[in-house]
Amino acid sequence: MPAISSPRSGGTQPSDLLPEALRPQPGRIRTIAHRGDSASAPENTIEAFAAAVAAGSDLIEIDLRLTADGDAAVIHDASALRTTGIDAPVAELTAAALGAADAGSWFGSEFAGARVPMFGAVAEWGAAHPDVGWLIELKGRWTAAQLAGPVAAIRRHGLAGRTILQGFEPETVAAARNAAPDLPRSLLVLRREDPEALLGRLRALDVAGCNPIGQLPSQVPGLAARLREAGYSVYPWTLDEPDEWGAAGASGVDGVITNRPGPFRSWHGRRWSPAGAEALAS
């Protein structure tokens, strides 16, 4: 395979845009808790984030959606129904209405009363937990103006040195660059595509990383290696089983986004050779 030159000038790599603590490290696969430790607590709640920290996660992945009054709610689905019982789009609910809903009972009675947090509250909580990073997915299309509130919260609570913004929509990723050029960004990739075309998209968006769905790095021969050689970090999602972890690790990824951060960390410590020679699936 021919060498791929860095898409950035001056000898730097795209991943150099990442905070030093989050840059790729040989032999290390970072643990990224998907919506928090969502196997142990209701997703995208403070309870799930606390469980992720307790499990030793390197980063916590969360989702942001705009409410009817322009706040940034930490919730995955476009509808509030699945996690709160409110049969309405998040975009049609005020922050107060959404924040008052019970977002825990669907997961277990012991979590009754857990809330859908607004991002400002999460950023404040994050300030008290300085050892974990944040991977923030911007759901749907955002403008730079709509990102002003979340960016201000990131700065106010000292999270800028441990935060990555990501999204599927090129317009949203570009808006994030315009709103906060210093905050690193990653592109989420849902479908298989020509690696060279993908690299062109990454260069155009000036991102630090590429985060593909599932086993795409292992299903497309050499994809992770090409991305890494071009200087991008690679965090596939959402991998929850040892055979998936092994395949991803063998393909050369930098981190794994998982609903099960505790078991992944245990597996990584026992089963993954830092030299990259072999990953065992159990």
C-alpha atoms as a PDB file:
ATOM      1  CA  MET A   1       0.000   0.000   0.000  1.00  0.00           C
ATOM      2  CA  PRO A   2       1.497   3.361  -0.942  1.00  0.00           C
ATOM      3  CA  ALA A   3       2.263   5.813   1.803  1.00  0.00           C
ATOM      4  CA  ILE A   4      -0.270   8.549   2.403  1.00  0.00           C
ATOM      5  CA  SER A   5       1.083  11.982   3.077  1.00  0.00           C
ATOM      6  CA  SER A   6      -0.321  14.114   5.858  1.00  0.00           C
ATOM      7  CA  PRO A   7      -3.167  16.346   4.680  1.00  0.00           C
ATOM      8  CA  ARG A   8      -1.788  19.189   6.798  1.00  0.00           C
ATOM      9  CA  SER A   9       1.163  21.417   6.049  1.00  0.00           C
ATOM     10  CA  GLY A  10       4.248  21.923   8.160  1.00  0.00           C
ATOM     11  CA  GLY A  11       4.702  18.257   9.006  1.00  0.00           C
ATOM     12  CA  THR A  12       1.777  18.176  11.444  1.00  0.00           C
ATOM     13  CA  GLN A  13      -0.919  15.514  11.574  1.00  0.00           C
ATOM     14  CA  PRO A  14      -4.699  15.993  11.880  1.00  0.00           C
ATOM     15  CA  SER A  15      -4.630  14.267  15.276  1.00  0.00           C
ATOM     16  CA  ASP A  16      -2.265  17.015  16.463  1.00  0.00           C
ATOM     17  CA  LEU A  17      -5.453  19.085  16.715  1.00  0.00           C
ATOM     18  CA  LEU A  18      -6.456  16.857  19.629  1.00  0.00           C
ATOM     19  CA  PRO A  19      -5.548  17.830  23.181  1.00  0.00           C
ATOM     20  CA  GLU A  20      -2.272  16.182  24.089  1.00  0.00           C
ATOM     21  CA  ALA A  21      -3.995  13.882  26.587  1.00  0.00           C
ATOM     22  CA  LEU A  22      -6.270  12.512  23.835  1.00  0.00           C
ATOM     23  CA  ARG A  23      -3.760  11.996  21.032  1.00  0.00           C
ATOM     24  CA  PRO A  24      -3.199   8.449  19.727  1.00  0.00           C
ATOM     25  CA  GLN A  25      -0.712   6.399  21.718  1.00  0.00           C
ATOM     26  CA  PRO A  26       0.874   3.209  20.336  1.00  0.00           C
ATOM     27  CA  GLY A  27      -0.492   0.108  22.019  1.00  0.00           C
ATOM     28  CA  ARG A  28      -3.367   1.903  23.710  1.00  0.00           C
ATOM     29  CA  ILE A  29      -7.057   1.565  22.869  1.00  0.00           C
ATOM     30  CA  ARG A  30      -9.028   4.205  24.723  1.00  0.00           C
ATOM     31  CA  THR A  31     -12.241   3.300  26.535  1.00  0.00           C
ATOM     32  CA  ILE A  32     -15.087   5.555  25.409  1.00  0.00           C
ATOM     33  CA  ALA A  33     -18.351   5.142  27.327  1.00  0.00           C
ATOM     34  CA  HIS A  34     -21.280   5.369  24.895  1.00  0.00           C
ATOM     35  CA  ARG A  35     -23.864   7.728  26.405  1.00  0.00           C
ATOM     36  CA  GLY A  36     -22.062   7.057  29.665  1.00  0.00           C
ATOM     37  CA  ASP A  37     -21.952   3.565  31.141  1.00  0.00           C
ATOM     38  CA  SER A  38     -25.285   2.845  29.500  1.00  0.00           C
ATOM     39  CA  ALA A  39     -25.188  -0.843  30.407  1.00  0.00           C
ATOM     40  CA  SER A  40     -25.264   0.089  34.096  1.00  0.00           C
ATOM     41  CA  ALA A  41     -27.427   3.230  34.215  1.00  0.00           C
ATOM     42  CA  PRO A  42     -29.915   5.105  32.005  1.00  0.00           C
ATOM     43  CA  GLU A  43     -28.123   6.569  29.013  1.00  0.00           C
ATOM     44  CA  ASN A  44     -27.149  10.230  28.813  1.00  0.00           C
ATOM     45  CA  THR A  45     -27.828  10.909  32.496  1.00  0.00           C
ATOM     46  CA  ILE A  46     -25.531  12.091  35.256  1.00  0.00           C
ATOM     47  CA  GLU A  47     -25.970   8.633  36.778  1.00  0.00           C
ATOM     48  CA  ALA A  48     -24.557   7.019  33.624  1.00  0.00           C
ATOM     49  CA  PHE A  49     -21.674   9.480  33.535  1.00  0.00           C
ATOM     50  CA  ALA A  50     -20.804   8.758  37.161  1.00  0.00           C
ATOM     51  CA  ALA A  51     -20.845   5.023  36.391  1.00  0.00           C
ATOM     52  CA  ALA A  52     -18.555   5.628  33.404  1.00  0.00           C
ATOM     53  CA  VAL A  53     -16.049   7.454  35.591  1.00  0.00           C
ATOM     54  CA  ALA A  54     -16.236   4.653  38.170  1.00  0.00           C
ATOM     55  CA  ALA A  55     -15.521   2.137  35.385  1.00  0.00           C
ATOM     56  CA  GLY A  56     -12.330   3.995  34.457  1.00  0.00           C
ATOM     57  CA  SER A  57     -13.463   5.382  31.096  1.00  0.00           C
ATOM     58  CA  ASP A  58     -11.063   7.630  29.211  1.00  0.00           C
ATOM     59  CA  LEU A  59     -13.867   9.568  27.532  1.00  0.00           C
ATOM     60  CA  ILE A  60     -17.636   9.828  27.821  1.00  0.00           C
ATOM     61  CA  GLU A  61     -19.625  10.067  24.588  1.00  0.00           C
ATOM     62  CA  ILE A  62     -22.830  12.117  24.791  1.00  0.00           C
ATOM     63  CA  ASP A  63     -25.478  13.436  22.402  1.00  0.00           C
ATOM     64  CA  LEU A  64     -26.750  17.011  22.137  1.00  0.00           C
ATOM     65  CA  ARG A  65     -30.087  18.076  20.668  1.00  0.00           C
ATOM     66  CA  LEU A  66     -31.634  21.514  20.552  1.00  0.00           C
ATOM     67  CA  THR A  67     -34.812  22.128  22.548  1.00  0.00           C
ATOM     68  CA  ALA A  68     -37.662  24.366  21.428  1.00  0.00           C
ATOM     69  CA  ASP A  69     -36.146  27.277  23.335  1.00  0.00           C
ATOM     70  CA  GLY A  70     -32.625  26.758  22.018  1.00  0.00           C
ATOM     71  CA  ASP A  71     -30.986  24.942  24.923  1.00  0.00           C
ATOM     72  CA  ALA A  72     -28.745  21.914  24.353  1.00  0.00           C
ATOM     73  CA  ALA A  73     -30.326  18.802  25.855  1.00  0.00           C
ATOM     74  CA  VAL A  74     -28.270  15.668  26.429  1.00  0.00           C
ATOM     75  CA  ILE A  75     -30.471  13.072  24.732  1.00  0.00           C
ATOM     76  CA  HIS A  76     -29.991  10.718  21.788  1.00  0.00           C
ATOM     77  CA  ASP A  77     -33.343  10.227  20.084  1.00  0.00           C
ATOM     78  CA  ALA A  78     -35.198  12.870  18.103  1.00  0.00           C
ATOM     79  CA  SER A  79     -38.275  11.895  20.131  1.00  0.00           C
ATOM     80  CA  ALA A  80     -38.349  12.003  23.921  1.00  0.00           C
ATOM     81  CA  LEU A  81     -40.660   8.971  24.078  1.00  0.00           C
ATOM     82  CA  ARG A  82     -38.254   6.072  24.620  1.00  0.00           C
ATOM     83  CA  THR A  83     -36.403   7.472  27.617  1.00  0.00           C
ATOM     84  CA  THR A  84     -38.970   9.818  29.198  1.00  0.00           C
ATOM     85  CA  GLY A  85     -42.416   8.625  28.111  1.00  0.00           C
ATOM     86  CA  ILE A  86     -43.179  12.014  26.562  1.00  0.00           C
ATOM     87  CA  ASP A  87     -44.484  11.435  23.047  1.00  0.00           C
ATOM     88  CA  ALA A  88     -43.079  14.564  21.440  1.00  0.00           C
ATOM     89  CA  PRO A  89     -40.011  15.621  19.490  1.00  0.00           C
ATOM     90  CA  VAL A  90     -37.211  17.084  21.574  1.00  0.00           C
ATOM     91  CA  ALA A  91     -37.214  20.070  19.224  1.00  0.00           C
ATOM     92  CA  GLU A  92     -40.797  20.881  20.296  1.00  0.00           C
ATOM     93  CA  LEU A  93     -40.162  20.669  24.052  1.00  0.00           C
ATOM     94  CA  THR A  94     -38.756  23.415  26.226  1.00  0.00           C
ATOM     95  CA  ALA A  95     -35.700  22.710  28.339  1.00  0.00           C
ATOM     96  CA  ALA A  96     -37.845  23.009  31.467  1.00  0.00           C
ATOM     97  CA  ALA A  97     -40.425  20.489  30.251  1.00  0.00           C
ATOM     98  CA  LEU A  98     -37.813  17.998  29.112  1.00  0.00           C
ATOM     99  CA  GLY A  99     -35.663  18.471  32.198  1.00  0.00           C
ATOM    100  CA  ALA A 100     -38.599  17.772  34.511  1.00  0.00           C
ATOM    101  CA  ALA A 101     -39.311  14.374  32.942  1.00  0.00           C
ATOM    102  CA  ASP A 102     -38.342  11.063  34.532  1.00  0.00           C
ATOM    103  CA  ALA A 103     -35.524   9.718  32.348  1.00  0.00           C
ATOM    104  CA  GLY A 104     -34.600   6.786  34.574  1.00  0.00           C
ATOM    105  CA  SER A 105     -37.623   4.579  35.239  1.00  0.00           C
ATOM    106  CA  TRP A 106     -37.546   3.050  31.756  1.00  0.00           C
ATOM    107  CA  PHE A 107     -34.158   1.566  32.647  1.00  0.00           C
ATOM    108  CA  GLY A 108     -34.946   0.444  36.192  1.00  0.00           C
ATOM    109  CA  SER A 109     -37.025   1.481  39.175  1.00  0.00           C
ATOM    110  CA  GLU A 110     -33.868   2.280  41.137  1.00  0.00           C
ATOM    111  CA  PHE A 111     -33.219   5.113  38.674  1.00  0.00           C
ATOM    112  CA  ALA A 112     -36.652   6.722  38.967  1.00  0.00           C
ATOM    113  CA  GLY A 113     -36.232  10.471  39.008  1.00  0.00           C
ATOM    114  CA  ALA A 114     -33.099  10.609  36.877  1.00  0.00           C
ATOM    115  CA  ARG A 115     -33.317  13.600  34.566  1.00  0.00           C
ATOM    116  CA  VAL A 116     -32.463  14.597  31.022  1.00  0.00           C
ATOM    117  CA  PRO A 117     -29.671  17.062  31.761  1.00  0.00           C
ATOM    118  CA  MET A 118     -28.982  20.212  29.831  1.00  0.00           C
ATOM    119  CA  PHE A 119     -25.402  20.453  28.628  1.00  0.00           C
ATOM    120  CA  GLY A 120     -24.557  23.357  30.912  1.00  0.00           C
ATOM    121  CA  ALA A 121     -25.211  21.129  33.922  1.00  0.00           C
ATOM    122  CA  VAL A 122     -23.150  18.313  32.410  1.00  0.00           C
ATOM    123  CA  ALA A 123     -20.241  20.660  31.749  1.00  0.00           C
ATOM    124  CA  GLU A 124     -20.410  21.843  35.354  1.00  0.00           C
ATOM    125  CA  TRP A 125     -20.385  18.209  36.512  1.00  0.00           C
ATOM    126  CA  GLY A 126     -17.482  17.520  34.178  1.00  0.00           C
ATOM    127  CA  ALA A 127     -15.440  20.278  35.782  1.00  0.00           C
ATOM    128  CA  ALA A 128     -15.482  18.237  39.001  1.00  0.00           C
ATOM    129  CA  HIS A 129     -14.222  15.131  37.168  1.00  0.00           C
ATOM    130  CA  PRO A 130     -11.013  16.277  35.463  1.00  0.00           C
ATOM    131  CA  ASP A 131      -9.686  12.831  34.563  1.00  0.00           C
ATOM    132  CA  VAL A 132     -12.287  12.038  31.897  1.00  0.00           C
ATOM    133  CA  GLY A 133     -12.614  13.487  28.398  1.00  0.00           C
ATOM    134  CA  TRP A 134     -15.781  14.275  26.448  1.00  0.00           C
ATOM    135  CA  LEU A 135     -16.798  13.153  22.963  1.00  0.00           C
ATOM    136  CA  ILE A 136     -19.821  15.278  22.109  1.00  0.00           C
ATOM    137  CA  GLU A 137     -22.052  14.290  19.203  1.00  0.00           C
ATOM    138  CA  LEU A 138     -24.101  17.075  17.682  1.00  0.00           C
ATOM    139  CA  LYS A 139     -27.317  15.432  16.520  1.00  0.00           C
ATOM    140  CA  GLY A 140     -28.743  16.763  13.285  1.00  0.00           C
ATOM    141  CA  ARG A 141     -27.768  20.084  11.764  1.00  0.00           C
ATOM    142  CA  TRP A 142     -26.403  22.902  13.895  1.00  0.00           C
ATOM    143  CA  THR A 143     -25.305  26.401  12.975  1.00  0.00           C
ATOM    144  CA  ALA A 144     -22.370  28.222  14.513  1.00  0.00           C
ATOM    145  CA  ALA A 145     -24.835  30.499  16.312  1.00  0.00           C
ATOM    146  CA  GLN A 146     -26.654  27.530  17.849  1.00  0.00           C
ATOM    147  CA  LEU A 147     -23.331  26.168  19.079  1.00  0.00           C
ATOM    148  CA  ALA A 148     -22.499  29.363  20.971  1.00  0.00           C
ATOM    149  CA  GLY A 149     -24.130  28.122  24.188  1.00  0.00           C
ATOM    150  CA  PRO A 150     -22.430  24.703  24.349  1.00  0.00           C
ATOM    151  CA  VAL A 151     -19.069  26.215  23.369  1.00  0.00           C
ATOM    152  CA  ALA A 152     -19.395  28.827  26.108  1.00  0.00           C
ATOM    153  CA  ALA A 153     -20.175  26.094  28.657  1.00  0.00           C
ATOM    154  CA  ILE A 154     -17.141  24.085  27.526  1.00  0.00           C
ATOM    155  CA  ARG A 155     -14.911  27.096  28.051  1.00  0.00           C
ATOM    156  CA  ARG A 156     -16.551  28.276  31.267  1.00  0.00           C
ATOM    157  CA  HIS A 157     -16.065  24.920  32.963  1.00  0.00           C
ATOM    158  CA  GLY A 158     -12.565  24.235  31.674  1.00  0.00           C
ATOM    159  CA  LEU A 159     -13.387  21.328  29.360  1.00  0.00           C
ATOM    160  CA  ALA A 160     -11.728  22.684  26.207  1.00  0.00           C
ATOM    161  CA  GLY A 161      -8.556  20.677  26.766  1.00  0.00           C
ATOM    162  CA  ARG A 162     -10.439  17.377  26.927  1.00  0.00           C
ATOM    163  CA  THR A 163     -13.341  17.715  24.503  1.00  0.00           C
ATOM    164  CA  ILE A 164     -13.906  16.509  20.931  1.00  0.00           C
ATOM    165  CA  LEU A 165     -16.966  17.526  18.894  1.00  0.00           C
ATOM    166  CA  GLN A 166     -18.347  15.083  16.331  1.00  0.00           C
ATOM    167  CA  GLY A 167     -21.225  14.748  13.911  1.00  0.00           C
ATOM    168  CA  PHE A 168     -22.516  12.998  10.801  1.00  0.00           C
ATOM    169  CA  GLU A 169     -23.569  16.142   8.959  1.00  0.00           C
ATOM    170  CA  PRO A 170     -20.720  17.922   7.137  1.00  0.00           C
ATOM    171  CA  GLU A 171     -22.563  21.216   7.648  1.00  0.00           C
ATOM    172  CA  THR A 172     -22.600  20.656  11.404  1.00  0.00           C
ATOM    173  CA  VAL A 173     -18.920  19.731  11.534  1.00  0.00           C
ATOM    174  CA  ALA A 174     -18.117  22.856   9.524  1.00  0.00           C
ATOM    175  CA  ALA A 175     -20.287  24.939  11.869  1.00  0.00           C
ATOM    176  CA  ALA A 176     -18.347  23.554  14.832  1.00  0.00           C
ATOM    177  CA  ARG A 177     -15.117  24.662  13.183  1.00  0.00           C
ATOM    178  CA  ASN A 178     -16.528  28.152  12.676  1.00  0.00           C
ATOM    179  CA  ALA A 179     -17.910  28.373  16.219  1.00  0.00           C
ATOM    180  CA  ALA A 180     -14.759  27.108  17.926  1.00  0.00           C
ATOM    181  CA  PRO A 181     -11.744  26.594  15.643  1.00  0.00           C
ATOM    182  CA  ASP A 182      -9.624  25.465  18.587  1.00  0.00           C
ATOM    183  CA  LEU A 183     -11.920  22.586  19.574  1.00  0.00           C
ATOM    184  CA  PRO A 184     -11.052  19.386  17.671  1.00  0.00           C
ATOM    185  CA  ARG A 185     -13.681  17.681  15.564  1.00  0.00           C
ATOM    186  CA  SER A 186     -14.314  14.182  14.244  1.00  0.00           C
ATOM    187  CA  LEU A 187     -16.554  12.967  11.430  1.00  0.00           C
ATOM    188  CA  LEU A 188     -18.934  10.081  12.104  1.00  0.00           C
ATOM    189  CA  VAL A 189     -19.181   7.639   9.187  1.00  0.00           C
ATOM    190  CA  LEU A 190     -22.204   5.396   8.731  1.00  0.00           C
ATOM    191  CA  ARG A 191     -21.587   3.718   5.372  1.00  0.00           C
ATOM    192  CA  ARG A 192     -18.774   2.039   3.523  1.00  0.00           C
ATOM    193  CA  GLU A 193     -17.107   4.302   0.986  1.00  0.00           C
ATOM    194  CA  ASP A 194     -13.951   4.531  -1.053  1.00  0.00           C
ATOM    195  CA  PRO A 195     -11.072   5.262   1.353  1.00  0.00           C
ATOM    196  CA  GLU A 196      -9.609   7.947  -0.901  1.00  0.00           C
ATOM    197  CA  ALA A 197     -12.969   9.709  -1.152  1.00  0.00           C
ATOM    198  CA  LEU A 198     -13.308   9.509   2.623  1.00  0.00           C
ATOM    199  CA  LEU A 199      -9.847  10.992   3.113  1.00  0.00           C
ATOM    200  CA  GLY A 200     -10.830  13.836   0.809  1.00  0.00           C
ATOM    201  CA  ARG A 201     -13.906  14.578   2.926  1.00  0.00           C
ATOM    202  CA  LEU A 202     -11.853  14.524   6.116  1.00  0.00           C
ATOM    203  CA  ARG A 203      -9.308  16.931   4.659  1.00  0.00           C
ATOM    204  CA  ALA A 204     -12.010  19.301   3.457  1.00  0.00           C
ATOM    205  CA  LEU A 205     -13.613  19.402   6.903  1.00  0.00           C
ATOM    206  CA  ASP A 206     -10.285  19.860   8.716  1.00  0.00           C
ATOM    207  CA  VAL A 207     -11.101  17.203  11.312  1.00  0.00           C
ATOM    208  CA  ALA A 208      -8.827  15.403  13.746  1.00  0.00           C
ATOM    209  CA  GLY A 209     -10.539  12.030  13.596  1.00  0.00           C
ATOM    210  CA  CYS A 210     -12.855   9.633  11.793  1.00  0.00           C
ATOM    211  CA  ASN A 211     -15.302   7.563  13.837  1.00  0.00           C
ATOM    212  CA  PRO A 212     -16.892   4.791  11.741  1.00  0.00           C
ATOM    213  CA  ILE A 213     -19.803   2.533  12.552  1.00  0.00           C
ATOM    214  CA  GLY A 214     -19.257  -0.900  14.025  1.00  0.00           C
ATOM    215  CA  GLN A 215     -16.812  -3.208  12.351  1.00  0.00           C
ATOM    216  CA  LEU A 216     -16.251  -1.002   9.309  1.00  0.00           C
ATOM    217  CA  PRO A 217     -12.513  -0.706  10.078  1.00  0.00           C
ATOM    218  CA  SER A 218     -12.157  -4.490  10.083  1.00  0.00           C
ATOM    219  CA  GLN A 219     -14.541  -5.050   7.149  1.00  0.00           C
ATOM    220  CA  VAL A 220     -12.703  -2.643   4.847  1.00  0.00           C
ATOM    221  CA  PRO A 221      -9.160  -4.018   4.591  1.00  0.00           C
ATOM    222  CA  GLY A 222      -6.576  -1.454   5.533  1.00  0.00           C
ATOM    223  CA  LEU A 223      -9.098   1.322   6.286  1.00  0.00           C
ATOM    224  CA  ALA A 224      -7.953   1.998   9.843  1.00  0.00           C
ATOM    225  CA  ALA A 225      -4.306   1.810   8.777  1.00  0.00           C
ATOM    226  CA  ARG A 226      -4.903   4.306   5.962  1.00  0.00           C
ATOM    227  CA  LEU A 227      -6.704   6.678   8.291  1.00  0.00           C
ATOM    228  CA  ARG A 228      -3.980   6.369  10.907  1.00  0.00           C
ATOM    229  CA  GLU A 229      -1.207   6.837   8.343  1.00  0.00           C
ATOM    230  CA  ALA A 230      -2.956   9.980   7.163  1.00  0.00           C
ATOM    231  CA  GLY A 231      -2.893  11.181  10.761  1.00  0.00           C
ATOM    232  CA  TYR A 232      -6.498  10.698  11.907  1.00  0.00           C
ATOM    233  CA  SER A 233      -7.662   9.158  15.160  1.00  0.00           C
ATOM    234  CA  VAL A 234     -10.158   6.284  14.736  1.00  0.00           C
ATOM    235  CA  TYR A 235     -12.937   5.482  17.257  1.00  0.00           C
ATOM    236  CA  PRO A 236     -15.477   2.901  15.967  1.00  0.00           C
ATOM    237  CA  TRP A 237     -18.934   2.575  17.536  1.00  0.00           C
ATOM    238  CA  THR A 238     -20.758   0.844  19.206  1.00  0.00           C
ATOM    239  CA  LEU A 239     -18.812  -2.334  20.064  1.00  0.00           C
ATOM    240  CA  ASP A 240     -19.961  -4.388  23.056  1.00  0.00           C
ATOM    241  CA  GLU A 241     -18.590  -7.920  22.648  1.00  0.00           C
ATOM    242  CA  PRO A 242     -15.066  -9.362  22.948  1.00  0.00           C
ATOM    243  CA  ASP A 243     -14.980 -10.601  19.353  1.00  0.00           C
ATOM    244  CA  GLU A 244     -15.829  -7.073  18.159  1.00  0.00           C
ATOM    245  CA  TRP A 245     -13.194  -5.559  20.423  1.00  0.00           C
ATOM    246  CA  GLY A 246     -10.600  -7.995  19.150  1.00  0.00           C
ATOM    247  CA  ALA A 247     -11.363  -7.322  15.494  1.00  0.00           C
ATOM    248  CA  ALA A 248     -11.306  -3.574  16.051  1.00  0.00           C
ATOM    249  CA  GLY A 249      -8.067  -3.730  17.997  1.00  0.00           C
ATOM    250  CA  ALA A 250      -6.407  -5.859  15.349  1.00  0.00           C
ATOM    251  CA  SER A 251      -7.422  -3.334  12.680  1.00  0.00           C
ATOM    252  CA  GLY A 252      -5.486  -0.593  14.471  1.00  0.00           C
ATOM    253  CA  VAL A 253      -8.102   1.677  16.060  1.00  0.00           C
ATOM    254  CA  ASP A 254      -7.242   4.231  18.765  1.00  0.00           C
ATOM    255  CA  GLY A 255     -10.361   3.834  20.866  1.00  0.00           C
ATOM    256  CA  VAL A 256     -13.577   1.851  21.163  1.00  0.00           C
ATOM    257  CA  ILE A 257     -16.965   3.420  21.836  1.00  0.00           C
ATOM    258  CA  THR A 258     -18.887   0.907  23.944  1.00  0.00           C
ATOM    259  CA  ASN A 259     -21.932   0.584  26.176  1.00  0.00           C
ATOM    260  CA  ARG A 260     -19.816  -1.628  28.453  1.00  0.00           C
ATOM    261  CA  PRO A 261     -16.740   0.368  29.478  1.00  0.00           C
ATOM    262  CA  GLY A 262     -15.963  -1.744  32.540  1.00  0.00           C
ATOM    263  CA  PRO A 263     -15.869  -5.096  30.721  1.00  0.00           C
ATOM    264  CA  PHE A 264     -13.956  -3.514  27.825  1.00  0.00           C
ATOM    265  CA  ARG A 265     -11.264  -2.175  30.140  1.00  0.00           C
ATOM    266  CA  SER A 266     -10.981  -5.570  31.787  1.00  0.00           C
ATOM    267  CA  TRP A 267     -10.720  -7.290  28.393  1.00  0.00           C
ATOM    268  CA  HIS A 268      -8.164  -4.786  27.157  1.00  0.00           C
ATOM    269  CA  GLY A 269      -6.000  -5.316  30.192  1.00  0.00           C
ATOM    270  CA  ARG A 270      -6.116  -9.114  29.939  1.00  0.00           C
ATOM    271  CA  ARG A 271      -6.335  -9.885  26.258  1.00  0.00           C
ATOM    272  CA  TRP A 272      -4.826  -7.215  24.068  1.00  0.00           C
ATOM    273  CA  SER A 273      -1.156  -7.308  23.216  1.00  0.00           C
ATOM    274  CA  PRO A 274       0.189  -3.727  23.164  1.00  0.00           C
ATOM    275  CA  ALA A 275       2.546  -4.832  20.403  1.00  0.00           C
ATOM    276  CA  GLY A 276      -0.544  -5.421  18.284  1.00  0.00           C
ATOM    277  CA  ALA A 277       0.369  -9.017  17.539  1.00  0.00           C
ATOM    278  CA  GLU A 278      -2.876 -10.642  18.576  1.00  0.00           C
ATOM    279  CA  ALA A 279      -6.289  -9.929  20.061  1.00  0.00           C
ATOM    280  CA  LEU A 280      -8.119 -12.788  21.739  1.00  0.00           C
ATOM    281  CA  ALA A 281     -11.875 -12.819  21.618  1.00  0.00           C
ATOM    282  CA  SER A 282     -12.627 -14.150  25.068  1.00  0.00           C
END
